Amino acid sequence: MTKYAYYVDLGICAGCEACTVACQNVNGLDYDMRYTKISRHMQGTYPNVTSMFVVNQCLHCDDPACASVCPTGATYKTSEGPVKVDYDKCIGCKYCMTACPYEARTFDEEANVVRKCSLCYDRMAQGEQPACVQTCLTGARMIGDMENPDDPIHAAIAQDGVVKVEGTSFYFRVPPGFDRNLVPENFQAAGITFAWQSIFQPVGQIMLGGTVGALLVSMAVNAVKSMRKEGAEHGDH
């Protein structure tokens, strides 16, 4: 059975964002909607300054919290590893957005659905590479089959400086001198997310039906997010 893993060499990523544009193109996204985001980190003091570009996107978790909390089953994990969204089932409750520890989802207000990277699962089923891998100008990105011992990804992830984000399908090579903490943290679902999943969500669904229950959960989720945001803002002052 195929088991996909994704590798990014941050030592040769040029930060050109060709991956972002290619992703937008194949997914029909507006210019302000991005599944793949690139940020630049600099360290040192002039004139001895070095920089590294960091990739942020859906990491396709092994046991994705977004799928666990989805009230309609719209988000699901495929047998090969990628996590997908069935947009016909998505009701736009945004519960998955709160559950995601990597903030890798984006809300499409016009369609009233939550969207995310699918690792170009449908393209790969046709024998094609993900758009971001195919377009990467420096070859910093790679996807491979962990179940195939001859796949080049095994050599890539065996290099010095490679960090596996535990609980996900992603590996990053961090260049010498840069902190591992610049790449995404190991997966850890928030305890309160599963409290919502095990208490509020089932009660709402039983008492008021699946869709209405999900909307009530969404209200609770968004209220908590607002309180967190306000707390963070006050903490900055």
C-alpha atoms as a PDB file:
ATOM      1  CA  MET A   1       0.000   0.000   0.000  1.00  0.00           C
ATOM      2  CA  THR A   2       1.214   3.502  -0.812  1.00  0.00           C
ATOM      3  CA  LYS A   3       2.010   5.772   2.130  1.00  0.00           C
ATOM      4  CA  TYR A   4       2.910   9.292   1.079  1.00  0.00           C
ATOM      5  CA  ALA A   5       5.444  11.455   2.894  1.00  0.00           C
ATOM      6  CA  TYR A   6       6.462  15.001   2.011  1.00  0.00           C
ATOM      7  CA  TYR A   7       9.947  16.487   2.262  1.00  0.00           C
ATOM      8  CA  VAL A   8      11.060  20.121   2.072  1.00  0.00           C
ATOM      9  CA  ASP A   9      14.712  21.164   2.012  1.00  0.00           C
ATOM     10  CA  LEU A  10      14.658  24.577   3.655  1.00  0.00           C
ATOM     11  CA  GLY A  11      18.341  24.972   2.897  1.00  0.00           C
ATOM     12  CA  ILE A  12      17.669  25.422  -0.815  1.00  0.00           C
ATOM     13  CA  CYS A  13      14.172  26.945  -0.753  1.00  0.00           C
ATOM     14  CA  ALA A  14      14.526  30.291  -2.558  1.00  0.00           C
ATOM     15  CA  GLY A  15      11.308  31.788  -1.203  1.00  0.00           C
ATOM     16  CA  CYS A  16      10.141  32.495  -4.762  1.00  0.00           C
ATOM     17  CA  GLU A  17       6.575  31.349  -3.983  1.00  0.00           C
ATOM     18  CA  ALA A  18       6.245  29.581  -7.329  1.00  0.00           C
ATOM     19  CA  CYS A  19       4.706  26.758  -5.294  1.00  0.00           C
ATOM     20  CA  THR A  20       2.057  29.102  -3.904  1.00  0.00           C
ATOM     21  CA  VAL A  21       1.112  30.434  -7.331  1.00  0.00           C
ATOM     22  CA  ALA A  22       1.025  26.954  -8.891  1.00  0.00           C
ATOM     23  CA  CYS A  23      -1.207  25.766  -6.059  1.00  0.00           C
ATOM     24  CA  GLN A  24      -3.564  28.689  -6.547  1.00  0.00           C
ATOM     25  CA  ASN A  25      -3.722  27.986 -10.267  1.00  0.00           C
ATOM     26  CA  VAL A  26      -4.564  24.280 -10.098  1.00  0.00           C
ATOM     27  CA  ASN A  27      -7.091  24.817  -7.308  1.00  0.00           C
ATOM     28  CA  GLY A  28      -8.742  27.887  -8.824  1.00  0.00           C
ATOM     29  CA  LEU A  29      -8.014  30.047  -5.774  1.00  0.00           C
ATOM     30  CA  ASP A  30      -8.273  33.814  -5.578  1.00  0.00           C
ATOM     31  CA  TYR A  31      -5.008  35.747  -5.176  1.00  0.00           C
ATOM     32  CA  ASP A  32      -5.605  36.240  -1.446  1.00  0.00           C
ATOM     33  CA  MET A  33      -6.358  32.564  -0.693  1.00  0.00           C
ATOM     34  CA  ARG A  34      -3.280  30.423  -0.137  1.00  0.00           C
ATOM     35  CA  TYR A  35      -2.890  26.781   0.818  1.00  0.00           C
ATOM     36  CA  THR A  36       0.912  27.178   0.906  1.00  0.00           C
ATOM     37  CA  LYS A  37       2.488  30.116   2.713  1.00  0.00           C
ATOM     38  CA  ILE A  38       6.166  31.082   2.766  1.00  0.00           C
ATOM     39  CA  SER A  39       7.764  33.157   5.519  1.00  0.00           C
ATOM     40  CA  ARG A  40      11.341  34.411   5.881  1.00  0.00           C
ATOM     41  CA  HIS A  41      13.395  34.117   9.057  1.00  0.00           C
ATOM     42  CA  MET A  42      16.653  36.031   9.514  1.00  0.00           C
ATOM     43  CA  GLN A  43      19.309  35.723  12.166  1.00  0.00           C
ATOM     44  CA  GLY A  44      22.601  37.335  13.020  1.00  0.00           C
ATOM     45  CA  THR A  45      23.736  40.935  12.916  1.00  0.00           C
ATOM     46  CA  TYR A  46      24.905  42.955   9.955  1.00  0.00           C
ATOM     47  CA  PRO A  47      26.970  42.154   7.999  1.00  0.00           C
ATOM     48  CA  ASN A  48      26.800  38.538   9.172  1.00  0.00           C
ATOM     49  CA  VAL A  49      23.144  37.883   8.458  1.00  0.00           C
ATOM     50  CA  THR A  50      21.671  34.619   7.204  1.00  0.00           C
ATOM     51  CA  SER A  51      18.098  33.794   6.292  1.00  0.00           C
ATOM     52  CA  MET A  52      15.866  30.797   5.751  1.00  0.00           C
ATOM     53  CA  PHE A  53      12.443  30.485   4.154  1.00  0.00           C
ATOM     54  CA  VAL A  54       9.912  28.356   6.020  1.00  0.00           C
ATOM     55  CA  VAL A  55       6.951  26.568   4.473  1.00  0.00           C
ATOM     56  CA  ASN A  56       3.581  26.469   6.204  1.00  0.00           C
ATOM     57  CA  GLN A  57       0.720  24.370   4.872  1.00  0.00           C
ATOM     58  CA  CYS A  58      -1.445  21.409   5.831  1.00  0.00           C
ATOM     59  CA  LEU A  59       0.903  18.734   7.186  1.00  0.00           C
ATOM     60  CA  HIS A  60      -1.560  15.885   6.610  1.00  0.00           C
ATOM     61  CA  CYS A  61      -1.533  14.559  10.145  1.00  0.00           C
ATOM     62  CA  ASP A  62      -1.560  10.857  10.951  1.00  0.00           C
ATOM     63  CA  ASP A  63      -4.626  11.230  13.160  1.00  0.00           C
ATOM     64  CA  PRO A  64      -6.011  14.603  12.057  1.00  0.00           C
ATOM     65  CA  ALA A  65      -7.998  16.480  14.652  1.00  0.00           C
ATOM     66  CA  CYS A  66      -9.822  18.320  11.870  1.00  0.00           C
ATOM     67  CA  ALA A  67     -11.314  15.028  10.667  1.00  0.00           C
ATOM     68  CA  SER A  68     -12.166  13.878  14.185  1.00  0.00           C
ATOM     69  CA  VAL A  69     -14.197  16.977  14.970  1.00  0.00           C
ATOM     70  CA  CYS A  70     -15.928  17.426  11.599  1.00  0.00           C
ATOM     71  CA  PRO A  71     -19.672  16.983  12.276  1.00  0.00           C
ATOM     72  CA  THR A  72     -20.554  15.914   8.742  1.00  0.00           C
ATOM     73  CA  GLY A  73     -17.566  13.772   7.777  1.00  0.00           C
ATOM     74  CA  ALA A  74     -16.559  16.313   5.149  1.00  0.00           C
ATOM     75  CA  THR A  75     -12.917  16.115   6.241  1.00  0.00           C
ATOM     76  CA  TYR A  76     -11.372  12.664   6.018  1.00  0.00           C
ATOM     77  CA  LYS A  77      -7.989  10.951   5.762  1.00  0.00           C
ATOM     78  CA  THR A  78      -7.268   8.793   2.744  1.00  0.00           C
ATOM     79  CA  SER A  79      -5.582   5.394   3.076  1.00  0.00           C
ATOM     80  CA  GLU A  80      -2.474   6.801   1.348  1.00  0.00           C
ATOM     81  CA  GLY A  81      -2.112   9.632   3.858  1.00  0.00           C
ATOM     82  CA  PRO A  82      -3.436  12.906   2.387  1.00  0.00           C
ATOM     83  CA  VAL A  83      -6.281  14.586   4.278  1.00  0.00           C
ATOM     84  CA  LYS A  84      -9.078  15.776   2.011  1.00  0.00           C
ATOM     85  CA  VAL A  85     -12.295  17.795   2.236  1.00  0.00           C
ATOM     86  CA  ASP A  86     -15.535  16.825   0.527  1.00  0.00           C
ATOM     87  CA  TYR A  87     -16.871  20.303  -0.215  1.00  0.00           C
ATOM     88  CA  ASP A  88     -20.350  18.944  -0.908  1.00  0.00           C
ATOM     89  CA  LYS A  89     -20.554  17.853   2.731  1.00  0.00           C
ATOM     90  CA  CYS A  90     -18.873  20.892   4.301  1.00  0.00           C
ATOM     91  CA  ILE A  91     -21.352  23.180   6.084  1.00  0.00           C
ATOM     92  CA  GLY A  92     -18.843  25.923   6.845  1.00  0.00           C
ATOM     93  CA  CYS A  93     -19.015  25.582  10.625  1.00  0.00           C
ATOM     94  CA  LYS A  94     -15.243  26.249  10.897  1.00  0.00           C
ATOM     95  CA  TYR A  95     -14.880  23.693  13.683  1.00  0.00           C
ATOM     96  CA  CYS A  96     -11.962  22.110  11.806  1.00  0.00           C
ATOM     97  CA  MET A  97     -10.195  25.465  11.639  1.00  0.00           C
ATOM     98  CA  THR A  98     -10.121  25.624  15.424  1.00  0.00           C
ATOM     99  CA  ALA A  99      -8.969  22.014  15.704  1.00  0.00           C
ATOM    100  CA  CYS A 100      -6.047  22.464  13.289  1.00  0.00           C
ATOM    101  CA  PRO A 101      -2.847  23.207  15.275  1.00  0.00           C
ATOM    102  CA  TYR A 102      -1.105  24.553  12.162  1.00  0.00           C
ATOM    103  CA  GLU A 103      -3.705  27.124  11.028  1.00  0.00           C
ATOM    104  CA  ALA A 104      -3.552  25.488   7.621  1.00  0.00           C
ATOM    105  CA  ARG A 105      -7.178  25.979   6.612  1.00  0.00           C
ATOM    106  CA  THR A 106      -8.879  28.935   4.995  1.00  0.00           C
ATOM    107  CA  PHE A 107     -12.544  29.880   4.832  1.00  0.00           C
ATOM    108  CA  ASP A 108     -14.136  30.512   1.457  1.00  0.00           C
ATOM    109  CA  GLU A 109     -16.904  32.980   2.293  1.00  0.00           C
ATOM    110  CA  GLU A 110     -18.447  32.887  -1.171  1.00  0.00           C
ATOM    111  CA  ALA A 111     -18.843  29.102  -1.192  1.00  0.00           C
ATOM    112  CA  ASN A 112     -19.305  28.874   2.617  1.00  0.00           C
ATOM    113  CA  VAL A 113     -16.793  26.036   2.926  1.00  0.00           C
ATOM    114  CA  VAL A 114     -13.399  25.537   4.527  1.00  0.00           C
ATOM    115  CA  ARG A 115     -10.609  24.809   2.052  1.00  0.00           C
ATOM    116  CA  LYS A 116      -7.130  23.330   2.385  1.00  0.00           C
ATOM    117  CA  CYS A 117      -4.269  21.584   0.605  1.00  0.00           C
ATOM    118  CA  SER A 118      -5.080  18.035  -0.525  1.00  0.00           C
ATOM    119  CA  LEU A 119      -1.481  17.241  -1.562  1.00  0.00           C
ATOM    120  CA  CYS A 120      -2.927  17.228  -5.081  1.00  0.00           C
ATOM    121  CA  TYR A 121      -4.329  13.796  -4.288  1.00  0.00           C
ATOM    122  CA  ASP A 122      -6.371  13.640  -7.480  1.00  0.00           C
ATOM    123  CA  ARG A 123      -3.369  14.650  -9.588  1.00  0.00           C
ATOM    124  CA  MET A 124      -1.239  11.945  -8.016  1.00  0.00           C
ATOM    125  CA  ALA A 125      -3.933   9.379  -8.740  1.00  0.00           C
ATOM    126  CA  GLN A 126      -3.358  10.256 -12.397  1.00  0.00           C
ATOM    127  CA  GLY A 127       0.400   9.781 -12.078  1.00  0.00           C
ATOM    128  CA  GLU A 128       1.241  13.498 -11.747  1.00  0.00           C
ATOM    129  CA  GLN A 129       3.244  15.294  -9.071  1.00  0.00           C
ATOM    130  CA  PRO A 130       1.646  17.838  -6.739  1.00  0.00           C
ATOM    131  CA  ALA A 131       1.699  21.273  -8.384  1.00  0.00           C
ATOM    132  CA  CYS A 132       4.041  22.662  -5.709  1.00  0.00           C
ATOM    133  CA  VAL A 133       6.574  19.861  -6.224  1.00  0.00           C
ATOM    134  CA  GLN A 134       6.381  20.087 -10.000  1.00  0.00           C
ATOM    135  CA  THR A 135       6.889  23.852  -9.973  1.00  0.00           C
ATOM    136  CA  CYS A 136       9.631  24.192  -7.329  1.00  0.00           C
ATOM    137  CA  LEU A 137      12.536  25.918  -9.100  1.00  0.00           C
ATOM    138  CA  THR A 138      15.254  24.603  -6.791  1.00  0.00           C
ATOM    139  CA  GLY A 139      13.945  21.080  -6.221  1.00  0.00           C
ATOM    140  CA  ALA A 140      13.418  21.806  -2.534  1.00  0.00           C
ATOM    141  CA  ARG A 141      10.159  19.850  -2.447  1.00  0.00           C
ATOM    142  CA  MET A 142       9.663  16.124  -2.809  1.00  0.00           C
ATOM    143  CA  ILE A 143       6.858  13.648  -2.259  1.00  0.00           C
ATOM    144  CA  GLY A 144       7.431   9.933  -2.046  1.00  0.00           C
ATOM    145  CA  ASP A 145       6.150   6.552  -0.957  1.00  0.00           C
ATOM    146  CA  MET A 146       7.436   5.431   2.435  1.00  0.00           C
ATOM    147  CA  GLU A 147       6.342   1.872   1.654  1.00  0.00           C
ATOM    148  CA  ASN A 148       8.656   1.700  -1.378  1.00  0.00           C
ATOM    149  CA  PRO A 149      12.264   1.192  -0.215  1.00  0.00           C
ATOM    150  CA  ASP A 150      13.575   2.332  -3.601  1.00  0.00           C
ATOM    151  CA  ASP A 151      11.800   5.683  -3.490  1.00  0.00           C
ATOM    152  CA  PRO A 152      14.292   8.626  -3.439  1.00  0.00           C
ATOM    153  CA  ILE A 153      12.525  10.148  -0.456  1.00  0.00           C
ATOM    154  CA  HIS A 154      14.251   7.652   1.848  1.00  0.00           C
ATOM    155  CA  ALA A 155      17.657   9.073   0.949  1.00  0.00           C
ATOM    156  CA  ALA A 156      16.353  12.613   1.318  1.00  0.00           C
ATOM    157  CA  ILE A 157      15.008  12.169   4.845  1.00  0.00           C
ATOM    158  CA  ALA A 158      18.164  10.318   5.944  1.00  0.00           C
ATOM    159  CA  GLN A 159      20.288  13.462   5.528  1.00  0.00           C
ATOM    160  CA  ASP A 160      21.733  15.387   8.441  1.00  0.00           C
ATOM    161  CA  GLY A 161      19.500  18.153   9.702  1.00  0.00           C
ATOM    162  CA  VAL A 162      16.233  16.530   8.661  1.00  0.00           C
ATOM    163  CA  VAL A 163      13.425  16.970  11.176  1.00  0.00           C
ATOM    164  CA  LYS A 164      10.286  14.861  11.111  1.00  0.00           C
ATOM    165  CA  VAL A 165       7.232  16.682  12.400  1.00  0.00           C
ATOM    166  CA  GLU A 166       5.941  13.837  14.536  1.00  0.00           C
ATOM    167  CA  GLY A 167       2.331  12.906  13.995  1.00  0.00           C
ATOM    168  CA  THR A 168       2.336  14.257  10.444  1.00  0.00           C
ATOM    169  CA  SER A 169       3.473  13.286   6.937  1.00  0.00           C
ATOM    170  CA  PHE A 170       6.118  16.051   6.720  1.00  0.00           C
ATOM    171  CA  TYR A 171       9.888  16.181   6.951  1.00  0.00           C
ATOM    172  CA  PHE A 172      11.960  19.382   6.828  1.00  0.00           C
ATOM    173  CA  ARG A 173      15.713  19.752   6.385  1.00  0.00           C
ATOM    174  CA  VAL A 174      16.805  22.639   8.557  1.00  0.00           C
ATOM    175  CA  PRO A 175      20.136  24.173   7.436  1.00  0.00           C
ATOM    176  CA  PRO A 176      23.010  24.364   9.970  1.00  0.00           C
ATOM    177  CA  GLY A 177      22.776  27.235  12.399  1.00  0.00           C
ATOM    178  CA  PHE A 178      18.989  27.490  12.374  1.00  0.00           C
ATOM    179  CA  ASP A 179      16.703  26.439  15.207  1.00  0.00           C
ATOM    180  CA  ARG A 180      14.434  23.442  14.772  1.00  0.00           C
ATOM    181  CA  ASN A 181      11.707  25.506  16.438  1.00  0.00           C
ATOM    182  CA  LEU A 182      11.374  27.554  13.252  1.00  0.00           C
ATOM    183  CA  VAL A 183       9.576  24.631  11.593  1.00  0.00           C
ATOM    184  CA  PRO A 184       6.124  23.435  12.704  1.00  0.00           C
ATOM    185  CA  GLU A 185       5.896  21.770  16.094  1.00  0.00           C
ATOM    186  CA  ASN A 186       5.124  18.082  16.518  1.00  0.00           C
ATOM    187  CA  PHE A 187       1.421  17.404  16.281  1.00  0.00           C
ATOM    188  CA  GLN A 188      -0.550  17.762  19.470  1.00  0.00           C
ATOM    189  CA  ALA A 189      -4.301  18.188  19.491  1.00  0.00           C
ATOM    190  CA  ALA A 190      -5.704  20.663  21.996  1.00  0.00           C
ATOM    191  CA  GLY A 191      -7.527  18.944  24.850  1.00  0.00           C
ATOM    192  CA  ILE A 192     -10.401  21.417  24.709  1.00  0.00           C
ATOM    193  CA  THR A 193     -10.996  20.487  21.078  1.00  0.00           C
ATOM    194  CA  PHE A 194     -11.777  16.929  22.047  1.00  0.00           C
ATOM    195  CA  ALA A 195     -13.923  18.135  24.920  1.00  0.00           C
ATOM    196  CA  TRP A 196     -16.038  19.923  22.322  1.00  0.00           C
ATOM    197  CA  GLN A 197     -15.986  16.813  20.176  1.00  0.00           C
ATOM    198  CA  SER A 198     -17.077  14.449  22.946  1.00  0.00           C
ATOM    199  CA  ILE A 199     -19.552  16.701  24.772  1.00  0.00           C
ATOM    200  CA  PHE A 200     -20.976  19.642  22.834  1.00  0.00           C
ATOM    201  CA  GLN A 201     -21.027  18.126  19.387  1.00  0.00           C
ATOM    202  CA  PRO A 202     -22.878  14.855  20.259  1.00  0.00           C
ATOM    203  CA  VAL A 203     -25.359  16.643  22.516  1.00  0.00           C
ATOM    204  CA  GLY A 204     -26.141  19.187  19.834  1.00  0.00           C
ATOM    205  CA  GLN A 205     -26.581  16.502  17.203  1.00  0.00           C
ATOM    206  CA  ILE A 206     -28.848  14.374  19.379  1.00  0.00           C
ATOM    207  CA  MET A 207     -31.040  17.234  20.562  1.00  0.00           C
ATOM    208  CA  LEU A 208     -31.308  19.337  17.450  1.00  0.00           C
ATOM    209  CA  GLY A 209     -30.080  17.305  14.506  1.00  0.00           C
ATOM    210  CA  GLY A 210     -26.641  17.139  12.905  1.00  0.00           C
ATOM    211  CA  THR A 211     -26.542  20.435  11.033  1.00  0.00           C
ATOM    212  CA  VAL A 212     -28.055  22.595  13.764  1.00  0.00           C
ATOM    213  CA  GLY A 213     -25.881  20.884  16.366  1.00  0.00           C
ATOM    214  CA  ALA A 214     -22.811  21.627  14.307  1.00  0.00           C
ATOM    215  CA  LEU A 215     -23.798  25.265  14.032  1.00  0.00           C
ATOM    216  CA  LEU A 216     -24.149  25.475  17.818  1.00  0.00           C
ATOM    217  CA  VAL A 217     -20.713  23.961  18.188  1.00  0.00           C
ATOM    218  CA  SER A 218     -19.411  26.481  15.682  1.00  0.00           C
ATOM    219  CA  MET A 219     -20.809  29.328  17.768  1.00  0.00           C
ATOM    220  CA  ALA A 220     -19.094  27.934  20.868  1.00  0.00           C
ATOM    221  CA  VAL A 221     -15.825  27.460  18.981  1.00  0.00           C
ATOM    222  CA  ASN A 222     -15.831  30.971  17.547  1.00  0.00           C
ATOM    223  CA  ALA A 223     -16.669  32.443  20.949  1.00  0.00           C
ATOM    224  CA  VAL A 224     -13.662  30.706  22.495  1.00  0.00           C
ATOM    225  CA  LYS A 225     -11.432  31.823  19.620  1.00  0.00           C
ATOM    226  CA  SER A 226     -12.561  35.419  20.143  1.00  0.00           C
ATOM    227  CA  MET A 227     -11.750  35.211  23.832  1.00  0.00           C
ATOM    228  CA  ARG A 228      -8.322  33.765  23.037  1.00  0.00           C
ATOM    229  CA  LYS A 229      -7.651  36.553  20.541  1.00  0.00           C
ATOM    230  CA  GLU A 230      -8.723  39.241  22.984  1.00  0.00           C
ATOM    231  CA  GLY A 231      -6.548  37.672  25.677  1.00  0.00           C
ATOM    232  CA  ALA A 232      -3.545  37.617  23.356  1.00  0.00           C
ATOM    233  CA  GLU A 233      -4.092  41.245  22.382  1.00  0.00           C
ATOM    234  CA  HIS A 234      -4.312  42.306  26.000  1.00  0.00           C
ATOM    235  CA  GLY A 235      -1.202  40.293  26.745  1.00  0.00           C
ATOM    236  CA  ASP A 236       0.730  42.305  24.175  1.00  0.00           C
ATOM    237  CA  HIS A 237       0.080  45.541  26.006  1.00  0.00           C
END
